[in-house]
């Protein structure tokens, strides 16, 4: 099984072997490896026919744009870990700056 995560800004509906899959943006879906090969060219070096079938390229001149679009998708044999932050940064809210009110300087005590 292959875990497909749609990091693009559009949903995708596609199928293989009479089974259709709804790839919603921002979500991960588990599909058979054969379906991943058919839809995304998973494991194949040349992705041209898959990008064309998805409608992401029309001519050879569009190939890089199609690859860039495909790069927005994560395909993995490992399920993504739940409750794991995607960014190692911790959001921090800065303290308010000093303000002047009525001629007095108010400072922030940390």
C-alpha atoms as a PDB file:
ATOM      1  CA  UNK A   1       0.000   0.000   0.000  1.00  0.00           C
ATOM      2  CA  UNK A   2       1.093   3.569  -0.747  1.00  0.00           C
ATOM      3  CA  UNK A   3       0.142   6.608   1.319  1.00  0.00           C
ATOM      4  CA  UNK A   4      -0.602   9.604  -0.898  1.00  0.00           C
ATOM      5  CA  UNK A   5      -0.715  13.063   0.669  1.00  0.00           C
ATOM      6  CA  UNK A   6      -2.176  15.867  -1.414  1.00  0.00           C
ATOM      7  CA  UNK A   7      -0.223  19.018  -0.523  1.00  0.00           C
ATOM      8  CA  UNK A   8      -1.522  20.871  -3.577  1.00  0.00           C
ATOM      9  CA  UNK A   9      -4.286  23.463  -3.543  1.00  0.00           C
ATOM     10  CA  UNK A  10      -6.731  21.296  -5.548  1.00  0.00           C
ATOM     11  CA  UNK A  11      -8.646  18.089  -4.974  1.00  0.00           C
ATOM     12  CA  UNK A  12      -8.167  15.229  -7.424  1.00  0.00           C
ATOM     13  CA  UNK A  13     -10.449  12.337  -8.310  1.00  0.00           C
ATOM     14  CA  UNK A  14      -8.917   9.492 -10.305  1.00  0.00           C
ATOM     15  CA  UNK A  15      -9.187   5.767 -10.492  1.00  0.00           C
ATOM     16  CA  UNK A  16      -7.669   2.456 -11.391  1.00  0.00           C
ATOM     17  CA  UNK A  17      -9.246  -0.953 -11.950  1.00  0.00           C
ATOM     18  CA  UNK A  18     -12.785   0.337 -11.563  1.00  0.00           C
ATOM     19  CA  UNK A  19     -12.076   1.917  -8.159  1.00  0.00           C
ATOM     20  CA  UNK A  20     -12.088   5.697  -7.828  1.00  0.00           C
ATOM     21  CA  UNK A  21     -10.105   7.634  -5.261  1.00  0.00           C
ATOM     22  CA  UNK A  22     -10.804  11.131  -3.949  1.00  0.00           C
ATOM     23  CA  UNK A  23      -7.553  12.882  -3.069  1.00  0.00           C
ATOM     24  CA  UNK A  24      -8.664  15.833  -0.975  1.00  0.00           C
ATOM     25  CA  UNK A  25      -6.231  18.698  -0.477  1.00  0.00           C
ATOM     26  CA  UNK A  26      -4.345  18.468   2.773  1.00  0.00           C
ATOM     27  CA  UNK A  27      -5.311  14.823   3.379  1.00  0.00           C
ATOM     28  CA  UNK A  28      -3.596  11.454   3.106  1.00  0.00           C
ATOM     29  CA  UNK A  29      -5.184   8.469   1.383  1.00  0.00           C
ATOM     30  CA  UNK A  30      -3.940   4.874   1.325  1.00  0.00           C
ATOM     31  CA  UNK A  31      -4.114   3.229  -2.119  1.00  0.00           C
ATOM     32  CA  UNK A  32      -2.719   0.046  -3.683  1.00  0.00           C
ATOM     33  CA  UNK A  33       0.744   0.347  -5.233  1.00  0.00           C
ATOM     34  CA  UNK A  34      -0.659  -0.579  -8.677  1.00  0.00           C
ATOM     35  CA  UNK A  35      -3.040   2.389  -8.469  1.00  0.00           C
ATOM     36  CA  UNK A  36      -0.185   4.717  -7.457  1.00  0.00           C
ATOM     37  CA  UNK A  37       1.846   3.511 -10.454  1.00  0.00           C
ATOM     38  CA  UNK A  38      -1.084   4.086 -12.797  1.00  0.00           C
ATOM     39  CA  UNK A  39      -2.160   7.481 -11.456  1.00  0.00           C
ATOM     40  CA  UNK A  40       1.155   9.115 -10.488  1.00  0.00           C
ATOM     41  CA  UNK A  41       3.799   6.962 -12.175  1.00  0.00           C
ATOM     42  CA  UNK A  42       5.000   5.801  -8.764  1.00  0.00           C
ATOM     43  CA  UNK A  43       8.339   4.003  -9.108  1.00  0.00           C
ATOM     44  CA  UNK A  44       8.694   4.941 -12.778  1.00  0.00           C
ATOM     45  CA  UNK A  45      11.465   7.159 -14.055  1.00  0.00           C
ATOM     46  CA  UNK A  46       9.499   8.668 -16.964  1.00  0.00           C
ATOM     47  CA  UNK A  47       6.356  10.386 -15.715  1.00  0.00           C
ATOM     48  CA  UNK A  48       5.411  12.044 -19.020  1.00  0.00           C
ATOM     49  CA  UNK A  49       2.397   9.838 -19.824  1.00  0.00           C
ATOM     50  CA  UNK A  50       1.080  10.115 -16.263  1.00  0.00           C
ATOM     51  CA  UNK A  51       1.385  13.903 -16.189  1.00  0.00           C
ATOM     52  CA  UNK A  52      -0.399  14.095 -19.549  1.00  0.00           C
ATOM     53  CA  UNK A  53      -3.143  11.699 -18.434  1.00  0.00           C
ATOM     54  CA  UNK A  54      -3.738  13.844 -15.341  1.00  0.00           C
ATOM     55  CA  UNK A  55      -3.992  16.899 -17.599  1.00  0.00           C
ATOM     56  CA  UNK A  56      -1.029  18.572 -15.928  1.00  0.00           C
ATOM     57  CA  UNK A  57       0.911  18.863 -19.204  1.00  0.00           C
ATOM     58  CA  UNK A  58      -0.224  19.317 -22.782  1.00  0.00           C
ATOM     59  CA  UNK A  59       3.122  19.590 -24.578  1.00  0.00           C
ATOM     60  CA  UNK A  60       6.755  18.774 -23.834  1.00  0.00           C
ATOM     61  CA  UNK A  61       7.217  22.464 -23.014  1.00  0.00           C
ATOM     62  CA  UNK A  62       4.916  21.983 -19.994  1.00  0.00           C
ATOM     63  CA  UNK A  63       6.957  19.100 -18.567  1.00  0.00           C
ATOM     64  CA  UNK A  64       8.749  21.065 -15.817  1.00  0.00           C
ATOM     65  CA  UNK A  65       5.475  22.681 -14.742  1.00  0.00           C
ATOM     66  CA  UNK A  66       3.924  19.204 -14.513  1.00  0.00           C
ATOM     67  CA  UNK A  67       6.834  17.926 -12.422  1.00  0.00           C
ATOM     68  CA  UNK A  68       6.496  20.935 -10.131  1.00  0.00           C
ATOM     69  CA  UNK A  69       2.830  20.095  -9.674  1.00  0.00           C
ATOM     70  CA  UNK A  70       3.641  16.445  -8.978  1.00  0.00           C
ATOM     71  CA  UNK A  71       6.208  17.561  -6.373  1.00  0.00           C
ATOM     72  CA  UNK A  72       3.284  18.876  -4.296  1.00  0.00           C
ATOM     73  CA  UNK A  73       2.249  15.265  -3.664  1.00  0.00           C
ATOM     74  CA  UNK A  74       3.934  12.952  -1.153  1.00  0.00           C
ATOM     75  CA  UNK A  75       3.892   9.227  -1.947  1.00  0.00           C
ATOM     76  CA  UNK A  76       5.296   6.908   0.677  1.00  0.00           C
ATOM     77  CA  UNK A  77       5.152   3.336   1.908  1.00  0.00           C
ATOM     78  CA  UNK A  78       5.039   4.723   5.463  1.00  0.00           C
ATOM     79  CA  UNK A  79       1.952   6.311   6.979  1.00  0.00           C
ATOM     80  CA  UNK A  80       2.474   9.906   8.103  1.00  0.00           C
ATOM     81  CA  UNK A  81       2.723  10.254  11.877  1.00  0.00           C
ATOM     82  CA  UNK A  82      -0.274  11.840  13.535  1.00  0.00           C
ATOM     83  CA  UNK A  83      -0.005  14.848  15.831  1.00  0.00           C
ATOM     84  CA  UNK A  84       3.452  15.655  14.484  1.00  0.00           C
ATOM     85  CA  UNK A  85       4.243  19.242  13.648  1.00  0.00           C
ATOM     86  CA  UNK A  86       5.247  19.723  10.031  1.00  0.00           C
ATOM     87  CA  UNK A  87       7.556  22.552  10.982  1.00  0.00           C
ATOM     88  CA  UNK A  88      10.282  22.332  13.613  1.00  0.00           C
ATOM     89  CA  UNK A  89       9.673  25.988  14.495  1.00  0.00           C
ATOM     90  CA  UNK A  90       7.542  26.850  17.479  1.00  0.00           C
ATOM     91  CA  UNK A  91       5.294  29.803  16.893  1.00  0.00           C
ATOM     92  CA  UNK A  92       6.137  32.675  19.182  1.00  0.00           C
ATOM     93  CA  UNK A  93       4.153  35.830  19.666  1.00  0.00           C
ATOM     94  CA  UNK A  94       6.368  38.861  20.322  1.00  0.00           C
ATOM     95  CA  UNK A  95       5.756  40.939  23.424  1.00  0.00           C
ATOM     96  CA  UNK A  96       4.142  44.296  22.756  1.00  0.00           C
ATOM     97  CA  UNK A  97       6.593  47.142  22.307  1.00  0.00           C
ATOM     98  CA  UNK A  98       6.834  50.081  24.693  1.00  0.00           C
ATOM     99  CA  UNK A  99       3.909  52.447  24.447  1.00  0.00           C
ATOM    100  CA  UNK A 100       3.514  56.067  25.402  1.00  0.00           C
ATOM    101  CA  UNK A 101       0.312  57.132  27.084  1.00  0.00           C
ATOM    102  CA  UNK A 102      -0.330  60.381  28.883  1.00  0.00           C
ATOM    103  CA  UNK A 103       3.324  61.342  28.867  1.00  0.00           C
ATOM    104  CA  UNK A 104       4.367  58.201  30.767  1.00  0.00           C
ATOM    105  CA  UNK A 105       6.423  55.404  29.312  1.00  0.00           C
ATOM    106  CA  UNK A 106       4.876  51.997  29.869  1.00  0.00           C
ATOM    107  CA  UNK A 107       7.229  49.079  29.533  1.00  0.00           C
ATOM    108  CA  UNK A 108       6.563  45.397  29.306  1.00  0.00           C
ATOM    109  CA  UNK A 109       7.603  43.245  32.210  1.00  0.00           C
ATOM    110  CA  UNK A 110       8.658  39.796  31.120  1.00  0.00           C
END
